[in-house]
Amino acid sequence: GYNYRWAPLVRYAKQLVETGRVGTPTHYR
């Protein structure tokens, strides 16, 4: 039950990361 994964805008954020549009990961909070 990690339900926050299923927020539509979270899935969009995942897509942006995976397609490289935010570049090389540097920070996460």
Full PDB file with SEQRES, HELIX, SHEET, SSBOND, CRYST1, ORIGX, SCALE, CONECT and MASTER records, all heavy atoms in Angstrom:
SEQRES   1 A   29  GLY TYR ASN TYR ARG TRP ALA PRO LEU VAL ARG TYR ALA          
SEQRES   2 A   29  LYS GLN LEU VAL GLU THR GLY ARG VAL GLY THR PRO THR          
SEQRES   3 A   29  HIS TYR ARG                                                  
HELIX    1 AA1 ASN A    3  TRP A    6  5                                   4    
HELIX    2 AA2 PRO A    8  GLU A   18  1                                  11    
CRYST1    1.000    1.000    1.000  90.00  90.00  90.00 P 1           1          
ORIGX1      1.000000  0.000000  0.000000        0.00000                         
ORIGX2      0.000000  1.000000  0.000000        0.00000                         
ORIGX3      0.000000  0.000000  1.000000        0.00000                         
SCALE1      1.000000  0.000000  0.000000        0.00000                         
SCALE2      0.000000  1.000000  0.000000        0.00000                         
SCALE3      0.000000  0.000000  1.000000        0.00000                         
ATOM      1  N   GLY A   1       0.769  -1.234   0.000  1.00  0.00           N  
ATOM      2  CA  GLY A   1       0.000   0.000   0.000  1.00  0.00           C  
ATOM      3  C   GLY A   1       0.797   1.278   0.000  1.00  0.00           C  
ATOM      4  O   GLY A   1       0.542   2.156   0.833  1.00  0.00           O  
ATOM      5  N   TYR A   2       1.709   1.437  -0.940  1.00  0.00           N  
ATOM      6  CA  TYR A   2       2.403   2.714  -1.120  1.00  0.00           C  
ATOM      7  C   TYR A   2       1.584   3.567  -2.086  1.00  0.00           C  
ATOM      8  O   TYR A   2       1.975   3.825  -3.225  1.00  0.00           O  
ATOM      9  CB  TYR A   2       3.822   2.483  -1.635  1.00  0.00           C  
ATOM     10  CG  TYR A   2       4.701   1.681  -0.700  1.00  0.00           C  
ATOM     11  CD1 TYR A   2       5.383   0.562  -1.152  1.00  0.00           C  
ATOM     12  CD2 TYR A   2       4.840   2.042   0.643  1.00  0.00           C  
ATOM     13  CE1 TYR A   2       6.200  -0.180  -0.300  1.00  0.00           C  
ATOM     14  CE2 TYR A   2       5.635   1.296   1.498  1.00  0.00           C  
ATOM     15  CZ  TYR A   2       6.312   0.190   1.017  1.00  0.00           C  
ATOM     16  OH  TYR A   2       7.101  -0.549   1.866  1.00  0.00           O  
ATOM     17  N   ASN A   3       0.431   4.023  -1.599  1.00  0.00           N  
ATOM     18  CA  ASN A   3      -0.564   4.610  -2.490  1.00  0.00           C  
ATOM     19  C   ASN A   3      -0.160   5.955  -3.073  1.00  0.00           C  
ATOM     20  O   ASN A   3      -0.683   6.360  -4.121  1.00  0.00           O  
ATOM     21  CB  ASN A   3      -1.896   4.767  -1.749  1.00  0.00           C  
ATOM     22  CG  ASN A   3      -1.760   5.492  -0.432  1.00  0.00           C  
ATOM     23  OD1 ASN A   3      -1.328   4.896   0.555  1.00  0.00           O  
ATOM     24  ND2 ASN A   3      -2.096   6.767  -0.389  1.00  0.00           N  
ATOM     25  N   TYR A   4       0.779   6.669  -2.439  1.00  0.00           N  
ATOM     26  CA  TYR A   4       1.150   7.981  -2.975  1.00  0.00           C  
ATOM     27  C   TYR A   4       1.847   7.867  -4.323  1.00  0.00           C  
ATOM     28  O   TYR A   4       1.857   8.820  -5.093  1.00  0.00           O  
ATOM     29  CB  TYR A   4       2.020   8.736  -1.958  1.00  0.00           C  
ATOM     30  CG  TYR A   4       1.295   8.968  -0.658  1.00  0.00           C  
ATOM     31  CD1 TYR A   4       1.492   8.120   0.430  1.00  0.00           C  
ATOM     32  CD2 TYR A   4       0.362   9.992  -0.534  1.00  0.00           C  
ATOM     33  CE1 TYR A   4       0.796   8.302   1.617  1.00  0.00           C  
ATOM     34  CE2 TYR A   4      -0.338  10.184   0.644  1.00  0.00           C  
ATOM     35  CZ  TYR A   4      -0.120   9.332   1.720  1.00  0.00           C  
ATOM     36  OH  TYR A   4      -0.827   9.513   2.880  1.00  0.00           O  
ATOM     37  N   ARG A   5       2.400   6.697  -4.630  1.00  0.00           N  
ATOM     38  CA  ARG A   5       2.950   6.457  -5.967  1.00  0.00           C  
ATOM     39  C   ARG A   5       1.914   6.675  -7.064  1.00  0.00           C  
ATOM     40  O   ARG A   5       2.279   6.959  -8.203  1.00  0.00           O  
ATOM     41  CB  ARG A   5       3.423   5.006  -6.089  1.00  0.00           C  
ATOM     42  CG  ARG A   5       4.732   4.643  -5.478  1.00  0.00           C  
ATOM     43  CD  ARG A   5       5.113   3.273  -6.005  1.00  0.00           C  
ATOM     44  NE  ARG A   5       6.318   2.736  -5.404  1.00  0.00           N  
ATOM     45  CZ  ARG A   5       7.040   1.773  -5.959  1.00  0.00           C  
ATOM     46  NH1 ARG A   5       6.653   1.260  -7.122  1.00  0.00           N  
ATOM     47  NH2 ARG A   5       8.122   1.306  -5.373  1.00  0.00           N  
ATOM     48  N   TRP A   6       0.638   6.455  -6.721  1.00  0.00           N  
ATOM     49  CA  TRP A   6      -0.398   6.438  -7.739  1.00  0.00           C  
ATOM     50  C   TRP A   6      -1.031   7.802  -7.982  1.00  0.00           C  
ATOM     51  O   TRP A   6      -1.929   7.906  -8.837  1.00  0.00           O  
ATOM     52  CB  TRP A   6      -1.464   5.410  -7.389  1.00  0.00           C  
ATOM     53  CG  TRP A   6      -0.888   4.028  -7.328  1.00  0.00           C  
ATOM     54  CD1 TRP A   6      -0.693   3.250  -6.208  1.00  0.00           C  
ATOM     55  CD2 TRP A   6      -0.382   3.263  -8.424  1.00  0.00           C  
ATOM     56  NE1 TRP A   6      -0.120   2.052  -6.543  1.00  0.00           N  
ATOM     57  CE2 TRP A   6       0.094   2.024  -7.900  1.00  0.00           C  
ATOM     58  CE3 TRP A   6      -0.279   3.486  -9.798  1.00  0.00           C  
ATOM     59  CZ2 TRP A   6       0.643   1.035  -8.708  1.00  0.00           C  
ATOM     60  CZ3 TRP A   6       0.273   2.501 -10.595  1.00  0.00           C  
ATOM     61  CH2 TRP A   6       0.727   1.292 -10.054  1.00  0.00           C  
ATOM     62  N   ALA A   7      -0.598   8.847  -7.279  1.00  0.00           N  
ATOM     63  CA  ALA A   7      -1.074  10.185  -7.616  1.00  0.00           C  
ATOM     64  C   ALA A   7      -0.683  10.489  -9.058  1.00  0.00           C  
ATOM     65  O   ALA A   7       0.482  10.331  -9.431  1.00  0.00           O  
ATOM     66  CB  ALA A   7      -0.476  11.214  -6.664  1.00  0.00           C  
ATOM     67  N   PRO A   8      -1.613  10.897  -9.902  1.00  0.00           N  
ATOM     68  CA  PRO A   8      -1.284  11.123 -11.314  1.00  0.00           C  
ATOM     69  C   PRO A   8      -0.106  12.058 -11.532  1.00  0.00           C  
ATOM     70  O   PRO A   8       0.719  11.829 -12.431  1.00  0.00           O  
ATOM     71  CB  PRO A   8      -2.579  11.692 -11.885  1.00  0.00           C  
ATOM     72  CG  PRO A   8      -3.656  11.049 -11.050  1.00  0.00           C  
ATOM     73  CD  PRO A   8      -3.077  11.009  -9.665  1.00  0.00           C  
ATOM     74  N   LEU A   9       0.025  13.106 -10.722  1.00  0.00           N  
ATOM     75  CA  LEU A   9       1.139  14.029 -10.912  1.00  0.00           C  
ATOM     76  C   LEU A   9       2.458  13.441 -10.424  1.00  0.00           C  
ATOM     77  O   LEU A   9       3.527  13.836 -10.893  1.00  0.00           O  
ATOM     78  CB  LEU A   9       0.851  15.362 -10.219  1.00  0.00           C  
ATOM     79  CG  LEU A   9      -0.192  16.231 -10.930  1.00  0.00           C  
ATOM     80  CD1 LEU A   9      -0.525  17.457 -10.095  1.00  0.00           C  
ATOM     81  CD2 LEU A   9       0.287  16.647 -12.329  1.00  0.00           C  
ATOM     82  N   VAL A  10       2.415  12.496  -9.490  1.00  0.00           N  
ATOM     83  CA  VAL A  10       3.633  11.780  -9.105  1.00  0.00           C  
ATOM     84  C   VAL A  10       4.096  10.895 -10.258  1.00  0.00           C  
ATOM     85  O   VAL A  10       5.290  10.803 -10.552  1.00  0.00           O  
ATOM     86  CB  VAL A  10       3.400  10.960  -7.827  1.00  0.00           C  
ATOM     87  CG1 VAL A  10       4.560  10.000  -7.570  1.00  0.00           C  
ATOM     88  CG2 VAL A  10       3.221  11.882  -6.626  1.00  0.00           C  
ATOM     89  N   ARG A  11       3.152  10.241 -10.940  1.00  0.00           N  
ATOM     90  CA  ARG A  11       3.530   9.445 -12.109  1.00  0.00           C  
ATOM     91  C   ARG A  11       4.151  10.333 -13.194  1.00  0.00           C  
ATOM     92  O   ARG A  11       5.083   9.926 -13.891  1.00  0.00           O  
ATOM     93  CB  ARG A  11       2.317   8.715 -12.688  1.00  0.00           C  
ATOM     94  CG  ARG A  11       1.507   7.901 -11.715  1.00  0.00           C  
ATOM     95  CD  ARG A  11       2.279   6.822 -10.987  1.00  0.00           C  
ATOM     96  NE  ARG A  11       2.659   5.695 -11.808  1.00  0.00           N  
ATOM     97  CZ  ARG A  11       3.036   4.532 -11.322  1.00  0.00           C  
ATOM     98  NH1 ARG A  11       3.072   4.343  -9.991  1.00  0.00           N  
ATOM     99  NH2 ARG A  11       3.397   3.545 -12.115  1.00  0.00           N  
ATOM    100  N   TYR A  12       3.660  11.555 -13.309  1.00  0.00           N  
ATOM    101  CA  TYR A  12       4.233  12.501 -14.272  1.00  0.00           C  
ATOM    102  C   TYR A  12       5.649  12.879 -13.850  1.00  0.00           C  
ATOM    103  O   TYR A  12       6.568  12.938 -14.693  1.00  0.00           O  
ATOM    104  CB  TYR A  12       3.348  13.739 -14.366  1.00  0.00           C  
ATOM    105  CG  TYR A  12       3.842  14.786 -15.327  1.00  0.00           C  
ATOM    106  CD1 TYR A  12       4.141  14.482 -16.650  1.00  0.00           C  
ATOM    107  CD2 TYR A  12       3.986  16.116 -14.923  1.00  0.00           C  
ATOM    108  CE1 TYR A  12       4.581  15.450 -17.538  1.00  0.00           C  
ATOM    109  CE2 TYR A  12       4.420  17.093 -15.800  1.00  0.00           C  
ATOM    110  CZ  TYR A  12       4.719  16.749 -17.102  1.00  0.00           C  
ATOM    111  OH  TYR A  12       5.160  17.717 -17.979  1.00  0.00           O  
ATOM    112  N   ALA A  13       5.853  13.107 -12.560  1.00  0.00           N  
ATOM    113  CA  ALA A  13       7.201  13.421 -12.069  1.00  0.00           C  
ATOM    114  C   ALA A  13       8.153  12.269 -12.377  1.00  0.00           C  
ATOM    115  O   ALA A  13       9.298  12.488 -12.802  1.00  0.00           O  
ATOM    116  CB  ALA A  13       7.165  13.701 -10.571  1.00  0.00           C  
ATOM    117  N   LYS A  14       7.697  11.050 -12.172  1.00  0.00           N  
ATOM    118  CA  LYS A  14       8.517   9.873 -12.486  1.00  0.00           C  
ATOM    119  C   LYS A  14       8.889   9.861 -13.967  1.00  0.00           C  
ATOM    120  O   LYS A  14      10.038   9.583 -14.335  1.00  0.00           O  
ATOM    121  CB  LYS A  14       7.730   8.619 -12.117  1.00  0.00           C  
ATOM    122  CG  LYS A  14       8.342   7.294 -12.555  1.00  0.00           C  
ATOM    123  CD  LYS A  14       9.550   6.915 -11.738  1.00  0.00           C  
ATOM    124  CE  LYS A  14       9.928   5.464 -11.982  1.00  0.00           C  
ATOM    125  NZ  LYS A  14      11.166   5.082 -11.261  1.00  0.00           N  
ATOM    126  N   GLN A  15       7.948  10.187 -14.817  1.00  0.00           N  
ATOM    127  CA  GLN A  15       8.200  10.225 -16.260  1.00  0.00           C  
ATOM    128  C   GLN A  15       9.253  11.282 -16.600  1.00  0.00           C  
ATOM    129  O   GLN A  15      10.153  11.041 -17.423  1.00  0.00           O  
ATOM    130  CB  GLN A  15       6.897  10.532 -16.992  1.00  0.00           C  
ATOM    131  CG  GLN A  15       7.021  10.712 -18.492  1.00  0.00           C  
ATOM    132  CD  GLN A  15       5.709  11.162 -19.111  1.00  0.00           C  
ATOM    133  OE1 GLN A  15       4.623  10.908 -18.599  1.00  0.00           O  
ATOM    134  NE2 GLN A  15       5.812  11.870 -20.226  1.00  0.00           N  
ATOM    135  N   LEU A  16       9.160  12.443 -15.960  1.00  0.00           N  
ATOM    136  CA  LEU A  16      10.131  13.517 -16.219  1.00  0.00           C  
ATOM    137  C   LEU A  16      11.535  13.102 -15.802  1.00  0.00           C  
ATOM    138  O   LEU A  16      12.521  13.420 -16.482  1.00  0.00           O  
ATOM    139  CB  LEU A  16       9.709  14.785 -15.477  1.00  0.00           C  
ATOM    140  CG  LEU A  16       8.420  15.460 -15.950  1.00  0.00           C  
ATOM    141  CD1 LEU A  16       8.048  16.615 -15.025  1.00  0.00           C  
ATOM    142  CD2 LEU A  16       8.551  15.953 -17.388  1.00  0.00           C  
ATOM    143  N   VAL A  17      11.648  12.391 -14.678  1.00  0.00           N  
ATOM    144  CA  VAL A  17      12.956  11.912 -14.223  1.00  0.00           C  
ATOM    145  C   VAL A  17      13.493  10.858 -15.181  1.00  0.00           C  
ATOM    146  O   VAL A  17      14.647  10.910 -15.621  1.00  0.00           O  
ATOM    147  CB  VAL A  17      12.863  11.359 -12.787  1.00  0.00           C  
ATOM    148  CG1 VAL A  17      14.174  10.690 -12.386  1.00  0.00           C  
ATOM    149  CG2 VAL A  17      12.527  12.475 -11.802  1.00  0.00           C  
ATOM    150  N   GLU A  18      12.647   9.892 -15.537  1.00  0.00           N  
ATOM    151  CA  GLU A  18      13.095   8.779 -16.370  1.00  0.00           C  
ATOM    152  C   GLU A  18      13.498   9.210 -17.773  1.00  0.00           C  
ATOM    153  O   GLU A  18      14.405   8.613 -18.377  1.00  0.00           O  
ATOM    154  CB  GLU A  18      12.000   7.707 -16.452  1.00  0.00           C  
ATOM    155  CG  GLU A  18      11.809   6.914 -15.179  1.00  0.00           C  
ATOM    156  CD  GLU A  18      10.826   5.779 -15.343  1.00  0.00           C  
ATOM    157  OE1 GLU A  18       9.907   5.904 -16.185  1.00  0.00           O  
ATOM    158  OE2 GLU A  18      10.972   4.776 -14.626  1.00  0.00           O  
ATOM    159  N   THR A  19      12.848  10.221 -18.297  1.00  0.00           N  
ATOM    160  CA  THR A  19      13.178  10.690 -19.645  1.00  0.00           C  
ATOM    161  C   THR A  19      14.309  11.708 -19.664  1.00  0.00           C  
ATOM    162  O   THR A  19      14.656  12.237 -20.719  1.00  0.00           O  
ATOM    163  CB  THR A  19      11.932  11.288 -20.328  1.00  0.00           C  
ATOM    164  OG1 THR A  19      11.393  12.343 -19.501  1.00  0.00           O  
ATOM    165  CG2 THR A  19      10.868  10.219 -20.548  1.00  0.00           C  
ATOM    166  N   GLY A  20      14.873  12.001 -18.493  1.00  0.00           N  
ATOM    167  CA  GLY A  20      16.039  12.875 -18.424  1.00  0.00           C  
ATOM    168  C   GLY A  20      15.761  14.355 -18.503  1.00  0.00           C  
ATOM    169  O   GLY A  20      16.692  15.162 -18.630  1.00  0.00           O  
ATOM    170  N   ARG A  21      14.504  14.741 -18.362  1.00  0.00           N  
ATOM    171  CA  ARG A  21      14.194  16.174 -18.532  1.00  0.00           C  
ATOM    172  C   ARG A  21      14.643  17.021 -17.345  1.00  0.00           C  
ATOM    173  O   ARG A  21      14.776  18.237 -17.475  1.00  0.00           O  
ATOM    174  CB  ARG A  21      12.697  16.350 -18.795  1.00  0.00           C  
ATOM    175  CG  ARG A  21      12.318  15.853 -20.198  1.00  0.00           C  
ATOM    176  CD  ARG A  21      10.843  15.885 -20.440  1.00  0.00           C  
ATOM    177  NE  ARG A  21      10.308  17.253 -20.419  1.00  0.00           N  
ATOM    178  CZ  ARG A  21       9.002  17.532 -20.495  1.00  0.00           C  
ATOM    179  NH1 ARG A  21       8.118  16.538 -20.551  1.00  0.00           N  
ATOM    180  NH2 ARG A  21       8.587  18.787 -20.481  1.00  0.00           N  
ATOM    181  N   VAL A  22      14.885  16.396 -16.174  1.00  0.00           N  
ATOM    182  CA  VAL A  22      15.465  17.157 -15.059  1.00  0.00           C  
ATOM    183  C   VAL A  22      16.976  16.930 -14.972  1.00  0.00           C  
ATOM    184  O   VAL A  22      17.624  17.452 -14.071  1.00  0.00           O  
ATOM    185  CB  VAL A  22      14.793  16.817 -13.711  1.00  0.00           C  
ATOM    186  CG1 VAL A  22      13.346  17.272 -13.705  1.00  0.00           C  
ATOM    187  CG2 VAL A  22      14.908  15.341 -13.386  1.00  0.00           C  
ATOM    188  N   GLY A  23      17.521  16.138 -15.886  1.00  0.00           N  
ATOM    189  CA  GLY A  23      18.965  15.941 -15.941  1.00  0.00           C  
ATOM    190  C   GLY A  23      19.462  14.908 -14.957  1.00  0.00           C  
ATOM    191  O   GLY A  23      18.716  14.065 -14.450  1.00  0.00           O  
ATOM    192  N   THR A  24      20.756  14.979 -14.670  1.00  0.00           N  
ATOM    193  CA  THR A  24      21.390  14.066 -13.726  1.00  0.00           C  
ATOM    194  C   THR A  24      20.913  14.364 -12.311  1.00  0.00           C  
ATOM    195  O   THR A  24      20.991  15.508 -11.861  1.00  0.00           O  
ATOM    196  CB  THR A  24      22.916  14.202 -13.793  1.00  0.00           C  
ATOM    197  OG1 THR A  24      23.352  13.942 -15.131  1.00  0.00           O  
ATOM    198  CG2 THR A  24      23.598  13.239 -12.833  1.00  0.00           C  
ATOM    199  N   PRO A  25      20.416  13.371 -11.570  1.00  0.00           N  
ATOM    200  CA  PRO A  25      19.935  13.625 -10.206  1.00  0.00           C  
ATOM    201  C   PRO A  25      21.046  14.154  -9.301  1.00  0.00           C  
ATOM    202  O   PRO A  25      22.168  13.635  -9.307  1.00  0.00           O  
ATOM    203  CB  PRO A  25      19.462  12.254  -9.734  1.00  0.00           C  
ATOM    204  CG  PRO A  25      19.167  11.493 -10.990  1.00  0.00           C  
ATOM    205  CD  PRO A  25      20.182  11.972 -11.980  1.00  0.00           C  
ATOM    206  N   THR A  26      20.741  15.195  -8.530  1.00  0.00           N  
ATOM    207  CA  THR A  26      21.724  15.763  -7.605  1.00  0.00           C  
ATOM    208  C   THR A  26      21.217  15.814  -6.164  1.00  0.00           C  
ATOM    209  O   THR A  26      21.953  15.467  -5.244  1.00  0.00           O  
ATOM    210  CB  THR A  26      22.135  17.183  -8.044  1.00  0.00           C  
ATOM    211  OG1 THR A  26      20.959  18.010  -8.144  1.00  0.00           O  
ATOM    212  CG2 THR A  26      22.859  17.150  -9.384  1.00  0.00           C  
ATOM    213  N   HIS A  27      19.964  16.234  -5.952  1.00  0.00           N  
ATOM    214  CA  HIS A  27      19.434  16.417  -4.603  1.00  0.00           C  
ATOM    215  C   HIS A  27      18.040  15.802  -4.490  1.00  0.00           C  
ATOM    216  O   HIS A  27      17.279  15.817  -5.462  1.00  0.00           O  
ATOM    217  CB  HIS A  27      19.303  17.903  -4.238  1.00  0.00           C  
ATOM    218  CG  HIS A  27      20.546  18.703  -4.385  1.00  0.00           C  
ATOM    219  ND1 HIS A  27      21.013  19.161  -5.601  1.00  0.00           N  
ATOM    220  CD2 HIS A  27      21.431  19.144  -3.459  1.00  0.00           C  
ATOM    221  CE1 HIS A  27      22.121  19.845  -5.428  1.00  0.00           C  
ATOM    222  NE2 HIS A  27      22.397  19.854  -4.132  1.00  0.00           N  
ATOM    223  N   TYR A  28      17.713  15.337  -3.278  1.00  0.00           N  
ATOM    224  CA  TYR A  28      16.359  14.856  -2.995  1.00  0.00           C  
ATOM    225  C   TYR A  28      16.029  15.156  -1.539  1.00  0.00           C  
ATOM    226  O   TYR A  28      16.823  14.879  -0.640  1.00  0.00           O  
ATOM    227  CB  TYR A  28      16.245  13.342  -3.228  1.00  0.00           C  
ATOM    228  CG  TYR A  28      14.825  12.827  -3.087  1.00  0.00           C  
ATOM    229  CD1 TYR A  28      13.996  12.751  -4.194  1.00  0.00           C  
ATOM    230  CD2 TYR A  28      14.310  12.447  -1.846  1.00  0.00           C  
ATOM    231  CE1 TYR A  28      12.687  12.305  -4.080  1.00  0.00           C  
ATOM    232  CE2 TYR A  28      13.010  12.002  -1.719  1.00  0.00           C  
ATOM    233  CZ  TYR A  28      12.202  11.935  -2.847  1.00  0.00           C  
ATOM    234  OH  TYR A  28      10.906  11.508  -2.724  1.00  0.00           O  
ATOM    235  N   ARG A  29      14.843  15.732  -1.295  1.00  0.00           N  
ATOM    236  CA  ARG A  29      14.364  15.992   0.058  1.00  0.00           C  
ATOM    237  C   ARG A  29      12.957  15.426   0.175  1.00  0.00           C  
ATOM    238  O   ARG A  29      12.029  15.937  -0.462  1.00  0.00           O  
ATOM    239  CB  ARG A  29      14.367  17.497   0.361  1.00  0.00           C  
ATOM    240  CG  ARG A  29      15.764  18.092   0.426  1.00  0.00           C  
ATOM    241  CD  ARG A  29      15.773  19.607   0.408  1.00  0.00           C  
ATOM    242  NE  ARG A  29      15.090  20.146  -0.765  1.00  0.00           N  
ATOM    243  CZ  ARG A  29      15.589  20.123  -2.003  1.00  0.00           C  
ATOM    244  NH1 ARG A  29      16.759  19.548  -2.251  1.00  0.00           N  
ATOM    245  NH2 ARG A  29      14.928  20.636  -3.023  1.00  0.00           N  
TER     246      ARG A  29                                                      
MASTER        0    0    0    2    0    0    0    6  245    1    0    3          
END                                                                             
